[in-house]
Amino acid sequence: MKNGSEGPRAAGAAGAPGAPGDPGAARRAWDEAGRGQKQRKARFRASSVDLEPLYTEDDLGGPEARAAIGYPGFYPYTRGVQPTMYRGRLWTMRQYAGFGTAGETNRRFRYLLEQGQTGLSVAFDLPTQMGYDSDAPQARGEVGRVGVAIDTLADMEILLSGIPLERVSTSMTINSPAAILLLMYQAVAEGQGVAPEKLTGTVQNDILKEYEARGTFIFPPEPSLKIATDIFEYCKATLPRWNTISISGYHIREAGSTAVQEVAFTLANGIAYVQAAIDRGLGVDEFAPRLSFFFNAHNHLLEEVAKFRAARRLWARIMRERFGARDPRSLLLRFHTQTAGCTLTLQQPENNAVRVAYQALAAVLGGTQSLHTNSRDEAFCLPSEAAALLALRTQQVLAEETGVADTIDPLAGSYAIERLTNEIEGQAVGLIEQIDRLGGVLKAIETGFIQRAIHQSAYAYQREVESGETVVVGVNRYAMEEDPVEPEFRLDPQLERRQVEALRAVRARRDAAAAARELDRLEAAARAGANLMPPLYDCVKAYAGIGEICDRLRRVFGAYRDPGFI
């Protein structure tokens, strides 16, 4: 019985099917029982794959496919990257936070750590992401709005004040200026007496997906890719426990991709980073163990679980077969997950807490290493303290009360999960092969192949929502008359003025000649093609602003303008 055909309304509608020991007869009896019975809709589909009404042992595939299920902690890691998974250690509960000034965000960080959060995740404001100081004309009206404003090392010192960096793992969602923010973090840690080799965390540093889906790029792709590999090289020697990149499918999915596209485009970007580092002269096993990934947990629970398992297995094969990695750590797709912000609704916002709980469940059943759960009010404001606490409690209930962390990969062997895992992997391989034929990710970005694919998927999804084919509870079904939602959290309208004043005070008290000298050295190093991390560190220590630093690099590399593919 194929997708869209009719099936039985209830189990046992025609009695026990078939004779004992005759699975073929049982299946024929089940098909016959369902013939002529109506289904809820003509087609059942997740974002990427059609869903059969029933999966059986036949859907597990042949001996090779069954062997690929394997065991947790062993190649091809379909069932997880550690042998004991959450029985040994729970995932890191890393709630993304950042708003206003560094002092305000520091207070939120410390509150969340007091409530049981086990890692930090820093959101930066748009000027910081785009390499502008808070007093730049381009920053007006955006300072501190979608994340914390960080202009100089002084802001990072305030942001991390009182936080034991030798014990807390920190993730920083920053891309174009990732090197600068990472070096600020290192400088603060050294000021606290923490050696660089003790620091743990992740810097996103995934510039390719910015051209594909998100848009917070500064420089053209090639010099940006070069700076990303500067970070690989630097961390190998100086920050050996730091994850040098978080290759992000999250923003690709938020922009409208399907689950298959999220896997394919993310791993294609990973291939590009690995190849760039090898071309730089780095051995694959020297840097690959510090690569990490970042995925979206969307609404279709079974598809999402299968997606994570497929991505993990496919990456292990890519690293072993394509790049010849020999260190088992180089084969591991370790990933952070965030629940899907694009699924949150202004209408009936309490429903968002329910959506987030199911999405978090999918991430855990899929074997994530760390998790952020979105707050119920994020569709219309920055998270309030109460909403952020509920989001954290959602993870804690999942970990401590539901039992899903007590059994390793509990859905393994499910006919549906294994079939969907195989289908998603197969389709993702096909897309990666298309990108290879185009000449790789940079060419696929240059020609707009990836951008157009994401746009087309986003358009198709929106049409399904508007037609009612895809149901959004409280929006196109079960809607209610509601009073306008009043945000629980509001930014202080004076924060931009205070941030600009603080920046100018730093400029007034720093050694201006030293800052100018280090900026000159940085520009010269960029023109010479040198690794930029050492001169960037000197600029950071001289309290140069992020905008001042990026302006010098814009002189050398230029500023990228999106060609606007549709």
Protein backbone atom coordinates (compact mmCIF):
# COMPACT_ATOMS: atom_id res chain seq x y z
CA MET A 1 0.00 0.00 0.00
CA LYS A 2 1.70 3.21 -1.12
CA ASN A 3 1.55 6.73 0.30
CA GLY A 4 -1.82 8.31 -0.40
CA SER A 5 -3.61 4.98 -0.83
CA GLU A 6 -6.27 3.87 1.58
CA GLY A 7 -5.51 1.96 4.78
CA PRO A 8 -7.24 0.52 7.83
CA ARG A 9 -8.82 2.92 10.27
CA ALA A 10 -7.90 0.86 13.31
CA ALA A 11 -5.59 -2.03 14.06
CA GLY A 12 -7.32 -5.36 13.86
CA ALA A 13 -10.09 -4.05 11.61
CA ALA A 14 -10.25 -7.42 9.86
CA GLY A 15 -9.00 -9.58 12.73
CA ALA A 16 -5.52 -11.07 13.00
CA PRO A 17 -4.05 -11.03 9.45
CA GLY A 18 -2.39 -13.99 7.85
CA ALA A 19 -1.22 -17.32 9.10
CA PRO A 20 1.51 -17.69 11.76
CA GLY A 21 4.94 -17.73 10.18
CA ASP A 22 3.73 -16.33 6.86
CA PRO A 23 4.63 -12.60 6.79
CA GLY A 24 3.70 -12.29 3.13
CA ALA A 25 0.19 -13.50 3.84
CA ALA A 26 -0.04 -11.16 6.83
CA ARG A 27 0.88 -8.18 4.67
CA ARG A 28 -1.63 -9.16 1.98
CA ALA A 29 -4.36 -9.49 4.60
CA TRP A 30 -3.49 -6.05 6.00
CA ASP A 31 -3.62 -4.52 2.52
CA GLU A 32 -6.99 -6.11 1.91
CA ALA A 33 -8.36 -4.90 5.24
CA GLY A 34 -7.45 -1.33 4.36
CA ARG A 35 -8.82 -1.34 0.86
CA GLY A 36 -11.66 1.11 0.49
CA GLN A 37 -11.15 2.80 3.88
CA LYS A 38 -10.65 6.56 3.86
CA GLN A 39 -7.51 8.31 5.10
CA ARG A 40 -7.31 11.79 6.60
CA LYS A 41 -5.55 13.20 3.54
CA ALA A 42 -4.30 12.08 0.16
CA ARG A 43 -0.61 12.57 0.90
CA PHE A 44 1.45 12.30 4.06
CA ARG A 45 4.82 14.00 3.75
CA ALA A 46 7.58 15.34 5.97
CA SER A 47 9.73 18.19 4.62
CA SER A 48 11.81 15.88 2.42
CA VAL A 49 10.25 12.45 2.12
CA ASP A 50 6.87 10.88 1.50
CA LEU A 51 5.66 8.79 4.42
CA GLU A 52 4.36 5.28 3.83
CA PRO A 53 1.33 4.24 5.89
CA LEU A 54 3.24 1.32 7.34
CA TYR A 55 6.88 0.26 7.62
CA THR A 56 7.96 -3.33 8.08
CA GLU A 57 11.12 -5.39 8.39
CA ASP A 58 11.54 -5.12 4.62
CA ASP A 59 12.25 -1.40 5.06
CA LEU A 60 15.41 -2.08 7.04
CA GLY A 61 17.19 -2.87 3.76
CA GLY A 62 19.67 -5.61 2.99
CA PRO A 63 22.60 -6.87 5.09
CA GLU A 64 24.78 -3.82 4.28
CA ALA A 65 22.07 -1.39 5.40
CA ARG A 66 21.47 -3.34 8.59
CA ALA A 67 25.18 -3.44 9.37
CA ALA A 68 25.29 0.36 8.97
CA ILE A 69 23.00 0.70 11.99
CA GLY A 70 25.86 -0.59 14.11
CA TYR A 71 26.59 0.30 17.73
CA PRO A 72 26.94 3.63 19.54
CA GLY A 73 30.49 4.94 19.59
CA PHE A 74 31.56 2.78 16.63
CA TYR A 75 31.81 3.51 12.92
CA PRO A 76 29.68 4.68 11.16
CA TYR A 77 28.25 6.23 14.36
CA THR A 78 24.64 6.01 13.22
CA ARG A 79 23.58 5.43 16.82
CA GLY A 80 25.73 8.09 18.48
CA VAL A 81 29.29 9.30 18.95
CA GLN A 82 29.82 7.79 22.43
CA PRO A 83 29.34 4.18 23.53
CA THR A 84 27.28 5.16 26.57
CA MET A 85 25.72 8.40 25.29
CA TYR A 86 23.45 10.00 27.95
CA ARG A 87 23.85 7.11 30.40
CA GLY A 88 27.39 8.40 30.84
CA ARG A 89 26.77 12.13 30.58
CA LEU A 90 23.75 14.22 29.70
CA TRP A 91 23.87 16.68 26.83
CA THR A 92 25.08 20.20 27.64
CA MET A 93 22.16 22.52 28.34
CA ARG A 94 23.41 25.62 26.57
CA GLN A 95 20.77 28.36 26.48
CA TYR A 96 21.47 31.07 23.89
CA ALA A 97 21.36 34.53 25.47
CA GLY A 98 22.49 38.05 24.80
CA PHE A 99 20.90 41.48 24.71
CA GLY A 100 21.67 45.10 25.43
CA THR A 101 24.96 45.83 27.11
CA ALA A 102 27.57 43.40 28.37
CA GLY A 103 26.54 44.07 31.97
CA GLU A 104 22.89 43.16 31.33
CA THR A 105 23.83 39.96 29.55
CA ASN A 106 26.30 39.02 32.28
CA ARG A 107 23.46 39.17 34.81
CA ARG A 108 21.31 36.87 32.61
CA PHE A 109 24.21 34.42 32.19
CA ARG A 110 24.79 34.20 35.91
CA TYR A 111 21.07 33.72 36.57
CA LEU A 112 20.87 30.84 34.07
CA LEU A 113 23.98 29.18 35.52
CA GLU A 114 22.44 29.43 38.99
CA GLN A 115 19.33 27.67 37.64
CA GLY A 116 21.30 24.68 36.38
CA GLN A 117 22.41 25.66 32.88
CA THR A 118 25.65 23.84 32.10
CA GLY A 119 27.16 25.97 29.31
CA LEU A 120 27.01 29.48 27.90
CA SER A 121 25.87 30.47 24.42
CA VAL A 122 26.42 34.08 23.40
CA ALA A 123 24.17 36.02 21.02
CA PHE A 124 25.78 39.13 19.56
CA ASP A 125 23.94 42.16 18.21
CA LEU A 126 23.81 42.90 14.51
CA PRO A 127 26.50 45.64 14.49
CA THR A 128 28.93 43.24 16.18
CA GLN A 129 28.09 40.49 13.68
CA MET A 130 28.63 42.89 10.78
CA GLY A 131 31.88 44.35 12.11
CA TYR A 132 30.71 47.83 13.13
CA ASP A 133 31.34 49.74 16.32
CA SER A 134 28.26 50.88 18.20
CA ASP A 135 28.74 54.52 17.18
CA ALA A 136 28.92 53.74 13.45
CA PRO A 137 26.07 55.21 11.36
CA GLN A 138 25.24 51.69 10.15
CA ALA A 139 24.66 50.58 13.77
CA ARG A 140 22.02 53.17 14.63
CA GLY A 141 18.88 51.59 16.05
CA GLU A 142 20.40 48.08 16.19
CA VAL A 143 22.74 48.30 19.18
CA GLY A 144 21.95 45.54 21.67
CA ARG A 145 18.71 44.64 19.94
CA VAL A 146 19.17 41.00 18.86
CA GLY A 147 22.18 40.23 21.04
CA VAL A 148 24.83 41.80 23.22
CA ALA A 149 26.90 44.71 21.93
CA ILE A 150 30.64 44.00 22.03
CA ASP A 151 32.87 46.79 20.77
CA THR A 152 36.19 46.25 22.53
CA LEU A 153 37.93 43.93 24.97
CA ALA A 154 36.45 46.07 27.76
CA ASP A 155 32.95 44.82 26.86
CA MET A 156 34.09 41.20 26.84
CA GLU A 157 35.67 41.69 30.27
CA ILE A 158 32.31 42.87 31.63
CA LEU A 159 30.37 40.14 29.80
CA LEU A 160 32.42 37.37 31.44
CA SER A 161 32.96 38.96 34.84
CA GLY A 162 32.53 36.47 37.67
CA ILE A 163 32.14 33.48 35.32
CA PRO A 164 34.72 30.69 35.90
CA LEU A 165 35.98 30.18 32.37
CA GLU A 166 38.09 27.18 33.33
CA ARG A 167 34.87 25.32 34.25
CA VAL A 168 32.26 26.71 31.83
CA SER A 169 32.10 25.77 28.16
CA THR A 170 31.08 28.70 25.95
CA SER A 171 29.62 28.82 22.46
CA MET A 172 29.76 32.06 20.48
CA THR A 173 27.45 32.52 17.51
CA ILE A 174 29.66 34.76 15.42
CA ASN A 175 30.98 34.32 11.90
CA SER A 176 32.68 37.11 9.92
CA PRO A 177 34.41 38.61 13.00
CA ALA A 178 34.71 35.22 14.74
CA ALA A 179 38.48 35.50 15.08
CA ILE A 180 38.21 38.81 16.92
CA LEU A 181 35.61 37.61 19.43
CA LEU A 182 37.50 34.37 20.08
CA LEU A 183 40.69 36.32 20.82
CA MET A 184 38.78 38.65 23.14
CA TYR A 185 37.57 35.57 25.02
CA GLN A 186 41.12 34.23 25.25
CA ALA A 187 42.38 37.60 26.51
CA VAL A 188 39.72 37.75 29.24
CA ALA A 189 40.54 34.20 30.32
CA GLU A 190 44.23 35.01 30.54
CA GLY A 191 43.32 38.05 32.63
CA GLN A 192 41.49 35.67 34.99
CA GLY A 193 44.59 33.49 35.15
CA VAL A 194 43.17 30.73 32.94
CA ALA A 195 45.61 29.28 30.42
CA PRO A 196 44.38 29.04 26.81
CA GLU A 197 44.86 25.27 26.72
CA LYS A 198 42.24 24.90 29.46
CA LEU A 199 39.48 26.75 27.61
CA THR A 200 36.60 24.77 26.12
CA GLY A 201 33.86 25.94 23.81
CA THR A 202 32.96 26.63 20.22
CA VAL A 203 33.12 29.58 17.88
CA GLN A 204 30.65 29.31 15.02
CA ASN A 205 33.07 30.59 12.37
CA ASP A 206 30.85 29.22 9.57
CA ILE A 207 30.98 31.94 6.97
CA LEU A 208 29.79 29.88 3.99
CA LYS A 209 26.23 29.52 5.26
CA GLU A 210 26.08 33.32 5.61
CA TYR A 211 26.25 33.65 1.82
CA GLU A 212 23.74 30.83 1.41
CA ALA A 213 21.09 31.65 3.97
CA ARG A 214 21.71 34.27 6.64
CA GLY A 215 23.49 37.34 5.30
CA THR A 216 25.83 38.53 8.07
CA PHE A 217 28.93 38.48 5.88
CA ILE A 218 31.52 41.24 5.61
CA PHE A 219 34.23 40.15 3.17
CA PRO A 220 34.00 38.12 -0.06
CA PRO A 221 33.93 34.32 0.25
CA GLU A 222 37.56 33.50 -0.54
CA PRO A 223 39.27 35.76 2.05
CA SER A 224 36.57 34.79 4.55
CA LEU A 225 37.37 31.12 4.05
CA LYS A 226 41.05 31.94 4.52
CA ILE A 227 40.34 33.62 7.88
CA ALA A 228 38.33 30.57 8.97
CA THR A 229 41.36 28.37 8.34
CA ASP A 230 43.58 30.88 10.18
CA ILE A 231 41.48 30.01 13.23
CA PHE A 232 42.00 26.26 12.64
CA GLU A 233 45.76 26.72 12.47
CA TYR A 234 45.92 29.02 15.49
CA CYS A 235 43.76 26.88 17.75
CA LYS A 236 45.73 23.74 16.94
CA ALA A 237 48.72 25.33 18.66
CA THR A 238 47.13 27.69 21.21
CA LEU A 239 43.56 26.57 22.06
CA PRO A 240 43.73 22.79 21.56
CA ARG A 241 40.42 22.02 23.35
CA TRP A 242 38.43 24.67 21.49
CA ASN A 243 36.03 23.68 18.70
CA THR A 244 37.23 25.81 15.83
CA ILE A 245 34.00 25.84 13.83
CA SER A 246 30.34 24.98 14.22
CA ILE A 247 29.25 24.11 10.70
CA SER A 248 25.68 25.27 10.74
CA GLY A 249 22.64 23.78 9.14
CA TYR A 250 20.45 25.66 11.60
CA HIS A 251 20.28 28.87 9.60
CA ILE A 252 19.87 26.97 6.33
CA ARG A 253 16.76 25.33 7.79
CA GLU A 254 15.51 28.62 9.27
CA ALA A 255 15.75 30.15 5.79
CA GLY A 256 13.32 27.52 4.51
CA SER A 257 15.28 24.45 3.45
CA THR A 258 14.05 20.88 3.79
CA ALA A 259 15.68 18.41 6.17
CA VAL A 260 17.59 16.81 3.29
CA GLN A 261 18.88 20.18 2.11
CA GLU A 262 19.91 21.02 5.66
CA VAL A 263 22.05 17.87 5.81
CA ALA A 264 23.43 18.15 2.28
CA PHE A 265 24.34 21.85 2.28
CA THR A 266 25.79 21.68 5.78
CA LEU A 267 28.02 18.71 5.00
CA ALA A 268 28.99 20.24 1.64
CA ASN A 269 30.16 23.31 3.55
CA GLY A 270 32.04 20.99 5.89
CA ILE A 271 33.76 19.41 2.90
CA ALA A 272 34.85 22.88 1.74
CA TYR A 273 36.33 23.76 5.14
CA VAL A 274 38.20 20.45 5.39
CA GLN A 275 39.60 20.84 1.88
CA ALA A 276 40.66 24.44 2.56
CA ALA A 277 42.54 23.37 5.68
CA ILE A 278 44.24 20.51 3.83
CA ASP A 279 45.21 22.90 1.04
CA ARG A 280 46.69 25.12 3.76
CA GLY A 281 49.03 22.26 4.69
CA LEU A 282 47.21 20.96 7.75
CA GLY A 283 46.88 17.21 8.17
CA VAL A 284 43.25 16.12 8.35
CA ASP A 285 43.69 14.43 11.71
CA GLU A 286 45.37 17.55 13.10
CA PHE A 287 42.23 19.70 12.89
CA ALA A 288 39.22 17.48 12.16
CA PRO A 289 38.70 16.33 15.78
CA ARG A 290 37.82 19.93 16.69
CA LEU A 291 35.15 20.38 14.00
CA SER A 292 31.59 20.56 15.27
CA PHE A 293 28.14 21.05 13.76
CA PHE A 294 24.92 22.90 14.54
CA PHE A 295 21.50 21.68 13.46
CA ASN A 296 17.87 22.70 13.67
CA ALA A 297 15.25 20.59 15.48
CA HIS A 298 12.07 21.09 13.48
CA ASN A 299 8.51 19.84 13.91
CA HIS A 300 8.34 16.42 12.26
CA LEU A 301 9.72 14.26 15.03
CA LEU A 302 10.49 11.10 13.04
CA GLU A 303 12.09 12.98 10.16
CA GLU A 304 14.25 14.98 12.57
CA VAL A 305 15.51 11.94 14.46
CA ALA A 306 16.34 10.25 11.15
CA LYS A 307 18.03 13.43 9.91
CA PHE A 308 20.47 13.54 12.80
CA ARG A 309 21.32 9.85 12.41
CA ALA A 310 21.79 10.20 8.64
CA ALA A 311 24.05 13.24 9.00
CA ARG A 312 26.24 11.48 11.55
CA ARG A 313 26.66 8.39 9.39
CA LEU A 314 27.27 10.32 6.18
CA TRP A 315 29.91 12.59 7.74
CA ALA A 316 31.84 9.59 9.09
CA ARG A 317 31.92 8.11 5.60
CA ILE A 318 32.96 11.40 4.00
CA MET A 319 35.85 11.85 6.42
CA ARG A 320 37.11 8.27 6.09
CA GLU A 321 36.54 7.65 2.38
CA ARG A 322 36.97 11.13 0.88
CA PHE A 323 39.66 12.60 3.13
CA GLY A 324 41.38 9.50 4.46
CA ALA A 325 40.99 10.43 8.13
CA ARG A 326 42.39 7.77 10.44
CA ASP A 327 41.84 9.21 13.91
CA PRO A 328 38.37 8.02 15.02
CA ARG A 329 37.74 11.48 16.51
CA SER A 330 38.02 12.95 13.02
CA LEU A 331 35.01 10.90 11.93
CA LEU A 332 32.66 12.11 14.65
CA LEU A 333 29.83 14.48 13.79
CA ARG A 334 29.42 16.16 17.18
CA PHE A 335 26.59 18.67 17.08
CA HIS A 336 24.66 21.30 18.98
CA THR A 337 20.94 21.61 18.34
CA GLN A 338 18.57 24.54 18.66
CA THR A 339 14.83 24.20 18.42
CA ALA A 340 13.27 25.83 15.36
CA GLY A 341 12.75 29.56 15.81
CA CYS A 342 10.96 29.73 12.47
CA THR A 343 8.13 27.55 13.84
CA LEU A 344 7.28 29.90 16.71
CA THR A 345 4.09 31.91 16.31
CA LEU A 346 2.76 35.21 17.59
CA GLN A 347 -0.70 33.62 17.75
CA GLN A 348 -1.36 31.51 20.88
CA PRO A 349 2.27 31.83 22.03
CA GLU A 350 1.77 29.23 24.78
CA ASN A 351 1.73 26.67 21.95
CA ASN A 352 5.39 27.53 21.35
CA ALA A 353 6.37 25.87 24.62
CA VAL A 354 4.73 22.66 23.40
CA ARG A 355 6.43 22.85 20.01
CA VAL A 356 9.80 23.39 21.67
CA ALA A 357 9.35 20.39 23.96
CA TYR A 358 8.67 18.03 21.04
CA GLN A 359 11.56 19.50 19.03
CA ALA A 360 13.88 19.04 22.02
CA LEU A 361 12.72 15.43 22.29
CA ALA A 362 13.67 14.88 18.63
CA ALA A 363 17.15 16.33 19.24
CA VAL A 364 17.74 14.04 22.21
CA LEU A 365 16.40 10.95 20.47
CA GLY A 366 18.72 11.91 17.58
CA GLY A 367 21.79 12.02 19.85
CA THR A 368 22.69 15.72 20.18
CA GLN A 369 25.71 16.77 22.28
CA SER A 370 24.23 20.07 23.42
CA LEU A 371 20.86 21.77 23.16
CA HIS A 372 19.20 25.17 23.25
CA THR A 373 15.44 25.30 23.73
CA ASN A 374 13.78 28.47 22.44
CA SER A 375 11.60 30.57 24.72
CA ARG A 376 7.86 30.78 24.07
CA ASP A 377 7.96 34.58 23.57
CA GLU A 378 10.71 34.72 20.92
CA ALA A 379 8.21 35.27 18.09
CA PHE A 380 7.60 38.82 19.32
CA CYS A 381 10.36 39.89 21.74
CA LEU A 382 13.66 38.94 23.29
CA PRO A 383 13.07 36.21 25.89
CA SER A 384 11.85 37.34 29.28
CA GLU A 385 13.55 35.86 32.33
CA ALA A 386 10.47 33.73 33.08
CA ALA A 387 10.29 32.40 29.51
CA ALA A 388 14.01 31.64 29.47
CA LEU A 389 13.65 29.71 32.74
CA LEU A 390 10.73 27.67 31.35
CA ALA A 391 12.82 26.82 28.27
CA LEU A 392 15.64 25.59 30.50
CA ARG A 393 13.20 23.63 32.69
CA THR A 394 11.90 21.97 29.49
CA GLN A 395 15.35 20.44 28.98
CA GLN A 396 15.67 19.48 32.63
CA VAL A 397 12.31 17.68 32.66
CA LEU A 398 13.29 15.89 29.46
CA ALA A 399 16.59 14.79 31.00
CA GLU A 400 15.42 13.90 34.50
CA GLU A 401 11.80 12.76 34.22
CA THR A 402 10.97 11.22 30.84
CA GLY A 403 13.47 8.36 30.78
CA VAL A 404 14.58 9.01 27.20
CA ALA A 405 18.18 9.51 28.36
CA ASP A 406 18.28 6.14 30.09
CA THR A 407 18.43 3.97 26.94
CA ILE A 408 20.96 4.58 24.18
CA ASP A 409 19.41 5.41 20.80
CA PRO A 410 16.06 3.92 21.81
CA LEU A 411 14.49 4.25 18.34
CA ALA A 412 17.20 2.21 16.57
CA GLY A 413 15.76 -0.69 14.64
CA SER A 414 12.42 1.04 14.19
CA TYR A 415 11.33 0.19 10.66
CA ALA A 416 10.26 3.79 10.05
CA ILE A 417 13.34 5.44 11.57
CA GLU A 418 15.82 3.24 9.72
CA ARG A 419 14.01 3.64 6.39
CA LEU A 420 13.84 7.44 6.81
CA THR A 421 17.51 7.54 7.85
CA ASN A 422 18.46 5.70 4.66
CA GLU A 423 16.26 7.92 2.47
CA ILE A 424 17.59 11.18 3.90
CA GLU A 425 21.18 10.00 3.58
CA GLY A 426 20.65 8.90 -0.01
CA GLN A 427 19.01 12.15 -1.07
CA ALA A 428 21.71 14.20 0.69
CA VAL A 429 24.42 12.27 -1.16
CA GLY A 430 22.70 13.17 -4.44
CA LEU A 431 22.73 16.89 -3.60
CA ILE A 432 26.38 16.82 -2.52
CA GLU A 433 27.27 15.14 -5.82
CA GLN A 434 25.46 17.95 -7.68
CA ILE A 435 27.53 20.52 -5.79
CA ASP A 436 30.72 18.60 -6.61
CA ARG A 437 29.80 18.67 -10.30
CA LEU A 438 29.38 22.44 -10.10
CA GLY A 439 32.93 22.73 -8.77
CA GLY A 440 32.27 22.82 -5.03
CA VAL A 441 30.48 25.08 -2.58
CA LEU A 442 32.11 28.35 -3.61
CA LYS A 443 30.96 27.80 -7.19
CA ALA A 444 27.51 26.73 -5.97
CA ILE A 445 27.27 30.00 -4.01
CA GLU A 446 28.60 32.04 -6.92
CA THR A 447 26.01 30.60 -9.31
CA GLY A 448 23.18 30.80 -6.74
CA PHE A 449 22.48 27.06 -6.84
CA ILE A 450 22.18 26.68 -3.07
CA GLN A 451 20.36 29.99 -2.52
CA ARG A 452 17.75 29.19 -5.16
CA ALA A 453 17.15 25.70 -3.78
CA ILE A 454 16.49 27.11 -0.30
CA HIS A 455 14.22 29.86 -1.66
CA GLN A 456 12.19 27.35 -3.67
CA SER A 457 11.68 25.12 -0.64
CA ALA A 458 10.67 28.09 1.51
CA TYR A 459 8.16 29.21 -1.12
CA ALA A 460 6.68 25.72 -1.42
CA TYR A 461 6.27 25.47 2.35
CA GLN A 462 4.59 28.86 2.58
CA ARG A 463 2.13 27.87 -0.12
CA GLU A 464 1.28 24.72 1.81
CA VAL A 465 0.62 26.76 4.95
CA GLU A 466 -1.55 29.27 3.09
CA SER A 467 -3.54 26.50 1.41
CA GLY A 468 -3.99 24.66 4.71
CA GLU A 469 -2.21 21.54 3.47
CA THR A 470 0.36 22.09 6.23
CA VAL A 471 -1.35 22.84 9.54
CA VAL A 472 0.02 25.42 11.97
CA VAL A 473 -2.05 25.16 15.13
CA GLY A 474 -3.49 28.51 16.14
CA VAL A 475 -2.64 30.09 12.78
CA ASN A 476 -4.43 28.32 9.93
CA ARG A 477 -6.39 25.88 12.12
CA TYR A 478 -7.83 26.19 15.63
CA ALA A 479 -7.40 29.97 15.49
CA MET A 480 -9.03 32.14 18.18
CA GLU A 481 -9.83 35.79 18.72
CA GLU A 482 -7.00 37.13 20.84
CA ASP A 483 -5.97 40.37 22.45
CA PRO A 484 -2.68 41.81 21.14
CA VAL A 485 0.30 40.19 22.83
CA GLU A 486 2.20 42.47 25.19
CA PRO A 487 5.92 41.67 25.28
CA GLU A 488 7.16 40.74 28.74
CA PHE A 489 10.65 42.01 27.93
CA ARG A 490 11.50 45.45 26.58
CA LEU A 491 14.92 46.88 25.84
CA ASP A 492 15.89 50.05 27.66
CA PRO A 493 15.68 52.82 25.01
CA GLN A 494 18.75 54.47 26.55
CA LEU A 495 21.03 51.47 26.16
CA GLU A 496 22.42 52.56 22.78
CA ARG A 497 23.42 55.93 24.22
CA ARG A 498 25.10 54.23 27.20
CA GLN A 499 26.95 51.77 24.96
CA VAL A 500 28.26 54.56 22.70
CA GLU A 501 29.39 56.57 25.74
CA ALA A 502 31.20 53.54 27.14
CA LEU A 503 32.94 52.92 23.80
CA ARG A 504 34.13 56.51 23.59
CA ALA A 505 35.40 56.34 27.16
CA VAL A 506 37.51 53.28 26.24
CA ARG A 507 38.95 55.13 23.26
CA ALA A 508 39.77 58.11 25.45
CA ARG A 509 41.72 56.12 28.05
CA ARG A 510 43.53 53.59 25.82
CA ASP A 511 46.98 54.19 24.33
CA ALA A 512 45.79 55.58 20.98
CA ALA A 513 49.24 55.38 19.38
CA ALA A 514 49.58 51.70 20.32
CA ALA A 515 46.12 50.91 18.94
CA ALA A 516 46.92 52.66 15.65
CA ARG A 517 50.26 50.86 15.40
CA GLU A 518 48.68 47.44 15.88
CA LEU A 519 45.97 48.24 13.32
CA ASP A 520 48.69 49.18 10.81
CA ARG A 521 50.44 45.86 11.46
CA LEU A 522 47.19 43.98 10.97
CA GLU A 523 46.57 45.64 7.62
CA ALA A 524 50.11 44.82 6.48
CA ALA A 525 49.69 41.17 7.55
CA ALA A 526 46.42 40.93 5.62
CA ARG A 527 48.07 42.27 2.49
CA ALA A 528 50.91 39.77 2.91
CA GLY A 529 48.54 36.80 3.26
CA ALA A 530 49.82 35.92 6.73
CA ASN A 531 47.83 34.18 9.45
CA LEU A 532 45.85 37.06 10.96
CA MET A 533 45.38 35.65 14.45
CA PRO A 534 48.58 37.02 16.07
CA PRO A 535 48.11 40.63 14.80
CA LEU A 536 44.40 40.45 15.62
CA TYR A 537 45.28 39.46 19.18
CA ASP A 538 47.57 42.47 19.48
CA CYS A 539 44.76 44.74 18.22
CA VAL A 540 42.35 43.25 20.77
CA LYS A 541 44.84 43.75 23.61
CA ALA A 542 45.28 47.37 22.50
CA TYR A 543 41.48 47.84 22.89
CA ALA A 544 40.90 48.49 19.21
CA GLY A 545 37.20 48.41 18.36
CA ILE A 546 35.69 45.63 16.30
CA GLY A 547 34.67 48.23 13.71
CA GLU A 548 38.17 49.71 13.56
CA ILE A 549 39.63 46.23 13.02
CA CYS A 550 37.11 45.22 10.36
CA ASP A 551 37.52 48.55 8.54
CA ARG A 552 41.22 47.79 8.10
CA LEU A 553 40.37 44.37 6.67
CA ARG A 554 37.72 45.90 4.39
CA ARG A 555 40.50 48.04 2.91
CA VAL A 556 42.35 44.88 1.95
CA PHE A 557 39.60 42.40 1.09
CA GLY A 558 36.71 44.65 0.12
CA ALA A 559 33.09 44.27 1.24
CA TYR A 560 30.82 41.61 -0.27
CA ARG A 561 27.49 42.54 -1.81
CA ASP A 562 24.82 39.86 -2.21
CA PRO A 563 24.05 39.46 -5.94
CA GLY A 564 20.42 38.69 -5.04
CA PHE A 565 19.67 35.28 -6.52
CA ILE A 566 16.01 34.28 -6.68
